[in-house]
PDB file of N, CA and C in Angstrom:
ATOM      1  N   MET A   1     -90.463-207.646-109.653  1.00  0.00           N
ATOM      2  CA  MET A   1     -89.269-207.157-109.185  1.00  0.00           C
ATOM      3  C   MET A   1     -88.096-207.747-110.010  1.00  0.00           C
ATOM      4  N   ARG A   2     -87.229-206.962-110.358  1.00  0.00           N
ATOM      5  CA  ARG A   2     -86.088-207.378-111.198  1.00  0.00           C
ATOM      6  C   ARG A   2     -85.241-208.388-110.423  1.00  0.00           C
ATOM      7  N   SER A   3     -84.786-209.413-111.242  1.00  0.00           N
ATOM      8  CA  SER A   3     -83.999-210.532-110.562  1.00  0.00           C
ATOM      9  C   SER A   3     -82.757-210.114-109.802  1.00  0.00           C
ATOM     10  N   GLU A   4     -82.064-209.038-110.338  1.00  0.00           N
ATOM     11  CA  GLU A   4     -80.893-208.504-109.748  1.00  0.00           C
ATOM     12  C   GLU A   4     -81.188-207.870-108.340  1.00  0.00           C
ATOM     13  N   ILE A   5     -82.334-207.223-108.227  1.00  0.00           N
ATOM     14  CA  ILE A   5     -82.754-206.634-106.992  1.00  0.00           C
ATOM     15  C   ILE A   5     -83.091-207.808-105.997  1.00  0.00           C
ATOM     16  N   MET A   6     -83.774-208.744-106.354  1.00  0.00           N
ATOM     17  CA  MET A   6     -84.138-209.915-105.523  1.00  0.00           C
ATOM     18  C   MET A   6     -82.820-210.638-105.094  1.00  0.00           C
ATOM     19  N   ASP A   7     -81.821-210.820-106.017  1.00  0.00           N
ATOM     20  CA  ASP A   7     -80.654-211.389-105.577  1.00  0.00           C
ATOM     21  C   ASP A   7     -79.914-210.630-104.573  1.00  0.00           C
ATOM     22  N   GLY A   8     -79.937-209.277-104.665  1.00  0.00           N
ATOM     23  CA  GLY A   8     -79.299-208.468-103.685  1.00  0.00           C
ATOM     24  C   GLY A   8     -80.017-208.544-102.394  1.00  0.00           C
ATOM     25  N   ILE A   9     -81.281-208.559-102.402  1.00  0.00           N
ATOM     26  CA  ILE A   9     -82.046-208.747-101.120  1.00  0.00           C
ATOM     27  C   ILE A   9     -81.709-210.076-100.450  1.00  0.00           C
ATOM     28  N   LEU A  10     -81.690-211.113-101.216  1.00  0.00           N
ATOM     29  CA  LEU A  10     -81.415-212.448-100.701  1.00  0.00           C
ATOM     30  C   LEU A  10     -79.943-212.712-100.083  1.00  0.00           C
ATOM     31  N   ARG A  11     -79.057-211.862-100.622  1.00  0.00           N
ATOM     32  CA  ARG A  11     -77.696-211.817-100.126  1.00  0.00           C
ATOM     33  C   ARG A  11     -77.561-211.423 -98.603  1.00  0.00           C
ATOM     34  N   HIS A  12     -78.583-210.707 -98.135  1.00  0.00           N
ATOM     35  CA  HIS A  12     -78.630-210.221 -96.826  1.00  0.00           C
ATOM     36  C   HIS A  12     -78.975-211.360 -95.835  1.00  0.00           C
ATOM     37  N   ILE A  13     -79.468-212.539 -96.302  1.00  0.00           N
ATOM     38  CA  ILE A  13     -79.769-213.679 -95.421  1.00  0.00           C
ATOM     39  C   ILE A  13     -78.515-214.567 -95.325  1.00  0.00           C
ATOM     40  N   HIS A  14     -77.926-214.559 -94.180  1.00  0.00           N
ATOM     41  CA  HIS A  14     -76.696-215.333 -93.902  1.00  0.00           C
ATOM     42  C   HIS A  14     -76.593-215.632 -92.384  1.00  0.00           C
ATOM     43  N   PRO A  15     -75.868-216.530 -91.988  1.00  0.00           N
ATOM     44  CA  PRO A  15     -75.727-216.878 -90.549  1.00  0.00           C
ATOM     45  C   PRO A  15     -74.887-215.703 -89.855  1.00  0.00           C
ATOM     46  N   ILE A  16     -75.348-215.457 -88.599  1.00  0.00           N
ATOM     47  CA  ILE A  16     -74.663-214.452 -87.758  1.00  0.00           C
ATOM     48  C   ILE A  16     -74.215-215.173 -86.513  1.00  0.00           C
ATOM     49  N   GLY A  17     -73.002-215.124 -86.138  1.00  0.00           N
ATOM     50  CA  GLY A  17     -72.529-215.899 -85.009  1.00  0.00           C
ATOM     51  C   GLY A  17     -71.473-215.172 -84.261  1.00  0.00           C
ATOM     52  N   GLY A  18     -71.181-215.806 -83.061  1.00  0.00           N
ATOM     53  CA  GLY A  18     -70.056-215.335 -82.236  1.00  0.00           C
ATOM     54  C   GLY A  18     -70.478-214.710 -80.861  1.00  0.00           C
ATOM     55  N   ILE A  19     -71.767-214.440 -80.741  1.00  0.00           N
ATOM     56  CA  ILE A  19     -72.209-213.787 -79.476  1.00  0.00           C
ATOM     57  C   ILE A  19     -71.895-214.669 -78.230  1.00  0.00           C
ATOM     58  N   GLU A  20     -71.748-215.943 -78.503  1.00  0.00           N
ATOM     59  CA  GLU A  20     -71.460-216.861 -77.379  1.00  0.00           C
ATOM     60  C   GLU A  20     -70.062-216.696 -76.817  1.00  0.00           C
ATOM     61  N   ASN A  21     -69.204-215.889 -77.496  1.00  0.00           N
ATOM     62  CA  ASN A  21     -67.864-215.523 -77.058  1.00  0.00           C
ATOM     63  C   ASN A  21     -67.779-214.311 -76.124  1.00  0.00           C
ATOM     64  N   ALA A  22     -68.916-213.672 -75.763  1.00  0.00           N
ATOM     65  CA  ALA A  22     -68.955-212.535 -74.960  1.00  0.00           C
ATOM     66  C   ALA A  22     -68.504-212.896 -73.616  1.00  0.00           C
ATOM     67  N   ARG A  23     -67.698-211.945 -73.028  1.00  0.00           N
ATOM     68  CA  ARG A  23     -67.263-212.108 -71.613  1.00  0.00           C
ATOM     69  C   ARG A  23     -67.714-211.044 -70.690  1.00  0.00           C
ATOM     70  N   LEU A  24     -68.209-211.446 -69.541  1.00  0.00           N
ATOM     71  CA  LEU A  24     -68.647-210.444 -68.555  1.00  0.00           C
ATOM     72  C   LEU A  24     -67.486-209.849 -67.839  1.00  0.00           C
ATOM     73  N   LEU A  25     -67.352-208.528 -67.987  1.00  0.00           N
ATOM     74  CA  LEU A  25     -66.164-207.882 -67.260  1.00  0.00           C
ATOM     75  C   LEU A  25     -66.672-207.269 -65.938  1.00  0.00           C
ATOM     76  N   GLU A  26     -67.828-206.668 -65.892  1.00  0.00           N
ATOM     77  CA  GLU A  26     -68.290-206.018 -64.648  1.00  0.00           C
ATOM     78  C   GLU A  26     -69.795-206.216 -64.626  1.00  0.00           C
ATOM     79  N   VAL A  27     -70.341-206.346 -63.426  1.00  0.00           N
ATOM     80  CA  VAL A  27     -71.794-206.317 -63.297  1.00  0.00           C
ATOM     81  C   VAL A  27     -72.187-205.822 -61.901  1.00  0.00           C
ATOM     82  N   SER A  28     -73.138-205.007 -61.808  1.00  0.00           N
ATOM     83  CA  SER A  28     -73.728-204.437 -60.508  1.00  0.00           C
ATOM     84  C   SER A  28     -75.087-204.029 -60.882  1.00  0.00           C
ATOM     85  N   PRO A  29     -75.974-203.833 -59.945  1.00  0.00           N
ATOM     86  CA  PRO A  29     -77.340-203.287 -60.183  1.00  0.00           C
ATOM     87  C   PRO A  29     -77.271-202.122 -61.073  1.00  0.00           C
ATOM     88  N   GLY A  30     -77.922-202.215 -62.303  1.00  0.00           N
ATOM     89  CA  GLY A  30     -78.006-201.220 -63.246  1.00  0.00           C
ATOM     90  C   GLY A  30     -76.861-201.021 -64.132  1.00  0.00           C
ATOM     91  N   HIS A  31     -75.867-201.930 -64.031  1.00  0.00           N
ATOM     92  CA  HIS A  31     -74.656-201.759 -64.855  1.00  0.00           C
ATOM     93  C   HIS A  31     -73.990-203.176 -65.266  1.00  0.00           C
ATOM     94  N   ALA A  32     -73.709-203.235 -66.485  1.00  0.00           N
ATOM     95  CA  ALA A  32     -72.963-204.454 -66.930  1.00  0.00           C
ATOM     96  C   ALA A  32     -72.063-204.022 -68.022  1.00  0.00           C
ATOM     97  N   LYS A  33     -70.921-204.558 -68.069  1.00  0.00           N
ATOM     98  CA  LYS A  33     -69.909-204.312 -69.011  1.00  0.00           C
ATOM     99  C   LYS A  33     -69.366-205.631 -69.521  1.00  0.00           C
ATOM    100  N   LEU A  34     -69.531-205.789 -70.957  1.00  0.00           N
ATOM    101  CA  LEU A  34     -69.113-206.951 -71.688  1.00  0.00           C
ATOM    102  C   LEU A  34     -67.971-206.659 -72.594  1.00  0.00           C
ATOM    103  N   SER A  35     -67.263-207.700 -72.969  1.00  0.00           N
ATOM    104  CA  SER A  35     -66.280-207.592 -74.027  1.00  0.00           C
ATOM    105  C   SER A  35     -66.301-208.770 -74.905  1.00  0.00           C
ATOM    106  N   MET A  36     -65.919-208.589 -76.197  1.00  0.00           N
ATOM    107  CA  MET A  36     -65.784-209.677 -77.001  1.00  0.00           C
ATOM    108  C   MET A  36     -64.992-209.367 -78.218  1.00  0.00           C
ATOM    109  N   GLU A  37     -64.403-210.397 -78.816  1.00  0.00           N
ATOM    110  CA  GLU A  37     -63.689-210.178 -80.078  1.00  0.00           C
ATOM    111  C   GLU A  37     -64.759-210.273 -81.234  1.00  0.00           C
ATOM    112  N   ILE A  38     -64.844-209.319 -81.961  1.00  0.00           N
ATOM    113  CA  ILE A  38     -65.775-209.326 -83.149  1.00  0.00           C
ATOM    114  C   ILE A  38     -65.001-210.032 -84.263  1.00  0.00           C
ATOM    115  N   THR A  39     -65.640-211.174 -84.776  1.00  0.00           N
ATOM    116  CA  THR A  39     -65.053-211.902 -85.853  1.00  0.00           C
ATOM    117  C   THR A  39     -65.852-211.717 -87.182  1.00  0.00           C
ATOM    118  N   GLU A  40     -65.395-212.327 -88.175  1.00  0.00           N
ATOM    119  CA  GLU A  40     -66.148-212.300 -89.456  1.00  0.00           C
ATOM    120  C   GLU A  40     -67.527-212.802 -89.360  1.00  0.00           C
ATOM    121  N   GLU A  41     -67.791-213.692 -88.450  1.00  0.00           N
ATOM    122  CA  GLU A  41     -69.172-214.370 -88.266  1.00  0.00           C
ATOM    123  C   GLU A  41     -70.213-213.359 -87.872  1.00  0.00           C
ATOM    124  N   ALA A  42     -69.765-212.204 -87.347  1.00  0.00           N
ATOM    125  CA  ALA A  42     -70.763-211.210 -86.840  1.00  0.00           C
ATOM    126  C   ALA A  42     -70.984-210.100 -87.822  1.00  0.00           C
ATOM    127  N   LEU A  43     -70.335-210.103 -88.976  1.00  0.00           N
ATOM    128  CA  LEU A  43     -70.360-209.046 -89.980  1.00  0.00           C
ATOM    129  C   LEU A  43     -71.553-209.246 -90.888  1.00  0.00           C
ATOM    130  N   ASN A  44     -72.074-208.097 -91.376  1.00  0.00           N
ATOM    131  CA  ASN A  44     -73.200-208.177 -92.294  1.00  0.00           C
ATOM    132  C   ASN A  44     -72.557-208.086 -93.773  1.00  0.00           C
ATOM    133  N   LEU A  45     -73.409-207.987 -94.649  1.00  0.00           N
ATOM    134  CA  LEU A  45     -72.951-208.032 -96.097  1.00  0.00           C
ATOM    135  C   LEU A  45     -72.084-206.832 -96.463  1.00  0.00           C
ATOM    136  N   TYR A  46     -72.097-205.775 -95.595  1.00  0.00           N
ATOM    137  CA  TYR A  46     -71.343-204.562 -95.890  1.00  0.00           C
ATOM    138  C   TYR A  46     -70.047-204.478 -95.147  1.00  0.00           C
ATOM    139  N   GLY A  47     -69.766-205.463 -94.378  1.00  0.00           N
ATOM    140  CA  GLY A  47     -68.473-205.540 -93.649  1.00  0.00           C
ATOM    141  C   GLY A  47     -68.596-204.926 -92.209  1.00  0.00           C
ATOM    142  N   ASN A  48     -69.737-204.469 -91.788  1.00  0.00           N
ATOM    143  CA  ASN A  48     -69.966-203.970 -90.467  1.00  0.00           C
ATOM    144  C   ASN A  48     -70.626-205.052 -89.588  1.00  0.00           C
ATOM    145  N   VAL A  49     -70.478-204.853 -88.238  1.00  0.00           N
ATOM    146  CA  VAL A  49     -71.134-205.838 -87.327  1.00  0.00           C
ATOM    147  C   VAL A  49     -72.630-205.596 -87.601  1.00  0.00           C
ATOM    148  N   HIS A  50     -73.330-206.773 -87.715  1.00  0.00           N
ATOM    149  CA  HIS A  50     -74.755-206.801 -87.958  1.00  0.00           C
ATOM    150  C   HIS A  50     -75.476-206.172 -86.868  1.00  0.00           C
ATOM    151  N   GLY A  51     -76.462-205.198 -87.185  1.00  0.00           N
ATOM    152  CA  GLY A  51     -77.210-204.459 -86.241  1.00  0.00           C
ATOM    153  C   GLY A  51     -77.922-205.395 -85.201  1.00  0.00           C
ATOM    154  N   GLY A  52     -78.430-206.488 -85.686  1.00  0.00           N
ATOM    155  CA  GLY A  52     -79.145-207.440 -84.820  1.00  0.00           C
ATOM    156  C   GLY A  52     -78.110-208.103 -83.779  1.00  0.00           C
ATOM    157  N   PHE A  53     -76.891-208.249 -84.233  1.00  0.00           N
ATOM    158  CA  PHE A  53     -75.855-208.852 -83.339  1.00  0.00           C
ATOM    159  C   PHE A  53     -75.612-207.885 -82.219  1.00  0.00           C
ATOM    160  N   LEU A  54     -75.386-206.516 -82.585  1.00  0.00           N
ATOM    161  CA  LEU A  54     -75.149-205.550 -81.594  1.00  0.00           C
ATOM    162  C   LEU A  54     -76.325-205.358 -80.568  1.00  0.00           C
ATOM    163  N   PHE A  55     -77.570-205.447 -81.187  1.00  0.00           N
ATOM    164  CA  PHE A  55     -78.715-205.276 -80.344  1.00  0.00           C
ATOM    165  C   PHE A  55     -78.908-206.493 -79.350  1.00  0.00           C
ATOM    166  N   SER A  56     -78.461-207.615 -79.817  1.00  0.00           N
ATOM    167  CA  SER A  56     -78.531-208.737 -78.850  1.00  0.00           C
ATOM    168  C   SER A  56     -77.519-208.689 -77.783  1.00  0.00           C
ATOM    169  N   LEU A  57     -76.346-208.171 -78.074  1.00  0.00           N
ATOM    170  CA  LEU A  57     -75.307-207.851 -77.058  1.00  0.00           C
ATOM    171  C   LEU A  57     -75.800-206.916 -76.093  1.00  0.00           C
ATOM    172  N   CYS A  58     -76.463-205.745 -76.523  1.00  0.00           N
ATOM    173  CA  CYS A  58     -77.061-204.778 -75.599  1.00  0.00           C
ATOM    174  C   CYS A  58     -78.134-205.322 -74.707  1.00  0.00           C
ATOM    175  N   ASP A  59     -78.975-206.170 -75.319  1.00  0.00           N
ATOM    176  CA  ASP A  59     -80.050-206.757 -74.582  1.00  0.00           C
ATOM    177  C   ASP A  59     -79.561-207.631 -73.545  1.00  0.00           C
ATOM    178  N   MET A  60     -78.488-208.468 -73.831  1.00  0.00           N
ATOM    179  CA  MET A  60     -77.879-209.292 -72.773  1.00  0.00           C
ATOM    180  C   MET A  60     -77.359-208.411 -71.597  1.00  0.00           C
ATOM    181  N   ALA A  61     -76.621-207.333 -71.898  1.00  0.00           N
ATOM    182  CA  ALA A  61     -76.131-206.433 -70.909  1.00  0.00           C
ATOM    183  C   ALA A  61     -77.218-205.890 -70.048  1.00  0.00           C
ATOM    184  N   ALA A  62     -78.292-205.479 -70.670  1.00  0.00           N
ATOM    185  CA  ALA A  62     -79.463-204.862 -69.934  1.00  0.00           C
ATOM    186  C   ALA A  62     -80.112-205.943 -69.015  1.00  0.00           C
ATOM    187  N   GLY A  63     -80.245-207.155 -69.547  1.00  0.00           N
ATOM    188  CA  GLY A  63     -80.801-208.212 -68.736  1.00  0.00           C
ATOM    189  C   GLY A  63     -79.843-208.507 -67.514  1.00  0.00           C
ATOM    190  N   MET A  64     -78.576-208.514 -67.743  1.00  0.00           N
ATOM    191  CA  MET A  64     -77.701-208.807 -66.631  1.00  0.00           C
ATOM    192  C   MET A  64     -77.682-207.763 -65.593  1.00  0.00           C
ATOM    193  N   SER A  65     -77.687-206.481 -66.005  1.00  0.00           N
ATOM    194  CA  SER A  65     -77.648-205.355 -65.096  1.00  0.00           C
ATOM    195  C   SER A  65     -79.002-205.222 -64.273  1.00  0.00           C
ATOM    196  N   THR A  66     -80.032-205.696 -64.815  1.00  0.00           N
ATOM    197  CA  THR A  66     -81.266-205.798 -64.127  1.00  0.00           C
ATOM    198  C   THR A  66     -81.399-206.875 -63.174  1.00  0.00           C
ATOM    199  N   TYR A  67     -80.901-208.153 -63.630  1.00  0.00           N
ATOM    200  CA  TYR A  67     -80.899-209.259 -62.758  1.00  0.00           C
ATOM    201  C   TYR A  67     -80.048-209.080 -61.530  1.00  0.00           C
ATOM    202  N   ALA A  68     -79.026-208.257 -61.687  1.00  0.00           N
ATOM    203  CA  ALA A  68     -78.177-207.906 -60.520  1.00  0.00           C
ATOM    204  C   ALA A  68     -78.974-207.232 -59.393  1.00  0.00           C
ATOM    205  N   PHE A  69     -80.151-206.685 -59.579  1.00  0.00           N
ATOM    206  CA  PHE A  69     -80.989-206.187 -58.608  1.00  0.00           C
ATOM    207  C   PHE A  69     -81.680-207.361 -57.894  1.00  0.00           C
ATOM    208  N   GLU A  70     -81.389-208.591 -58.250  1.00  0.00           N
ATOM    209  CA  GLU A  70     -81.879-209.816 -57.638  1.00  0.00           C
ATOM    210  C   GLU A  70     -83.363-210.017 -57.897  1.00  0.00           C
ATOM    211  N   THR A  71     -83.767-209.709 -59.142  1.00  0.00           N
ATOM    212  CA  THR A  71     -85.167-209.888 -59.496  1.00  0.00           C
ATOM    213  C   THR A  71     -85.141-210.408 -60.928  1.00  0.00           C
ATOM    214  N   THR A  72     -86.114-211.251 -61.222  1.00  0.00           N
ATOM    215  CA  THR A  72     -86.212-211.702 -62.594  1.00  0.00           C
ATOM    216  C   THR A  72     -86.833-210.548 -63.488  1.00  0.00           C
ATOM    217  N   ASN A  73     -86.492-210.601 -64.779  1.00  0.00           N
ATOM    218  CA  ASN A  73     -86.908-209.519 -65.622  1.00  0.00           C
ATOM    219  C   ASN A  73     -87.085-210.009 -67.049  1.00  0.00           C
ATOM    220  N   VAL A  74     -87.703-209.184 -67.876  1.00  0.00           N
ATOM    221  CA  VAL A  74     -87.870-209.437 -69.239  1.00  0.00           C
ATOM    222  C   VAL A  74     -87.847-208.088 -69.972  1.00  0.00           C
ATOM    223  N   THR A  75     -87.272-208.083 -71.187  1.00  0.00           N
ATOM    224  CA  THR A  75     -87.305-206.791 -72.031  1.00  0.00           C
ATOM    225  C   THR A  75     -88.735-206.635 -72.599  1.00  0.00           C
ATOM    226  N   GLU A  76     -89.404-205.662 -72.111  1.00  0.00           N
ATOM    227  CA  GLU A  76     -90.673-205.369 -72.582  1.00  0.00           C
ATOM    228  C   GLU A  76     -90.715-204.508 -73.823  1.00  0.00           C
ATOM    229  N   CYS A  77     -89.783-203.523 -73.807  1.00  0.00           N
ATOM    230  CA  CYS A  77     -89.652-202.685 -74.985  1.00  0.00           C
ATOM    231  C   CYS A  77     -88.229-202.114 -74.952  1.00  0.00           C
ATOM    232  N   SER A  78     -87.661-202.004 -76.168  1.00  0.00           N
ATOM    233  CA  SER A  78     -86.294-201.470 -76.214  1.00  0.00           C
ATOM    234  C   SER A  78     -86.071-200.914 -77.660  1.00  0.00           C
ATOM    235  N   SER A  79     -85.084-200.034 -77.739  1.00  0.00           N
ATOM    236  CA  SER A  79     -84.695-199.541 -78.967  1.00  0.00           C
ATOM    237  C   SER A  79     -83.209-199.131 -78.925  1.00  0.00           C
ATOM    238  N   ILE A  80     -82.636-198.890 -80.065  1.00  0.00           N
ATOM    239  CA  ILE A  80     -81.209-198.643 -80.240  1.00  0.00           C
ATOM    240  C   ILE A  80     -81.016-197.648 -81.376  1.00  0.00           C
ATOM    241  N   ASN A  81     -80.093-196.717 -81.260  1.00  0.00           N
ATOM    242  CA  ASN A  81     -79.654-195.812 -82.317  1.00  0.00           C
ATOM    243  C   ASN A  81     -78.216-196.040 -82.548  1.00  0.00           C
ATOM    244  N   PHE A  82     -77.936-196.449 -83.792  1.00  0.00           N
ATOM    245  CA  PHE A  82     -76.536-196.599 -84.202  1.00  0.00           C
ATOM    246  C   PHE A  82     -75.918-195.364 -84.691  1.00  0.00           C
ATOM    247  N   LEU A  83     -74.787-195.019 -84.190  1.00  0.00           N
ATOM    248  CA  LEU A  83     -74.077-193.791 -84.538  1.00  0.00           C
ATOM    249  C   LEU A  83     -73.073-194.041 -85.680  1.00  0.00           C
ATOM    250  N   ARG A  84     -72.464-195.164 -85.806  1.00  0.00           N
ATOM    251  CA  ARG A  84     -71.565-195.507 -86.859  1.00  0.00           C
ATOM    252  C   ARG A  84     -71.342-196.964 -86.885  1.00  0.00           C
ATOM    253  N   GLY A  85     -70.868-197.432 -87.994  1.00  0.00           N
ATOM    254  CA  GLY A  85     -70.582-198.915 -88.128  1.00  0.00           C
ATOM    255  C   GLY A  85     -69.480-199.346 -87.278  1.00  0.00           C
ATOM    256  N   VAL A  86     -69.479-200.619 -86.943  1.00  0.00           N
ATOM    257  CA  VAL A  86     -68.341-201.317 -86.157  1.00  0.00           C
ATOM    258  C   VAL A  86     -67.754-202.385 -86.979  1.00  0.00           C
ATOM    259  N   ASN A  87     -66.527-202.448 -87.015  1.00  0.00           N
ATOM    260  CA  ASN A  87     -65.830-203.577 -87.830  1.00  0.00           C
ATOM    261  C   ASN A  87     -65.339-204.601 -86.796  1.00  0.00           C
ATOM    262  N   THR A  88     -64.368-205.485 -87.315  1.00  0.00           N
ATOM    263  CA  THR A  88     -63.814-206.458 -86.456  1.00  0.00           C
ATOM    264  C   THR A  88     -62.881-205.795 -85.381  1.00  0.00           C
ATOM    265  N   GLY A  89     -62.560-206.570 -84.298  1.00  0.00           N
ATOM    266  CA  GLY A  89     -61.767-206.156 -83.239  1.00  0.00           C
ATOM    267  C   GLY A  89     -62.392-206.402 -81.881  1.00  0.00           C
ATOM    268  N   THR A  90     -61.882-205.763 -80.813  1.00  0.00           N
ATOM    269  CA  THR A  90     -62.448-205.969 -79.548  1.00  0.00           C
ATOM    270  C   THR A  90     -63.356-204.778 -79.120  1.00  0.00           C
TER     271      THR A  90
END
């Protein structure tokens, strides 16, 4: 593999942070609404929120909305379809 390609691949490895700043706005059985300020820490190499960050946020909301049924739970299988990129903001 050419070195410039490997360098580009390795630039994708960087810390992702900020999910600890999520705030729970609403929760009921089958429903959870979260809010958070998206900061530079959550962005990928291309300036959009990292897909893994968004997926984690969705997984948290799913777990909260299921736990509101007063039962323990675990994500057995999940998927997400991204419609557009997200940048900084709320």
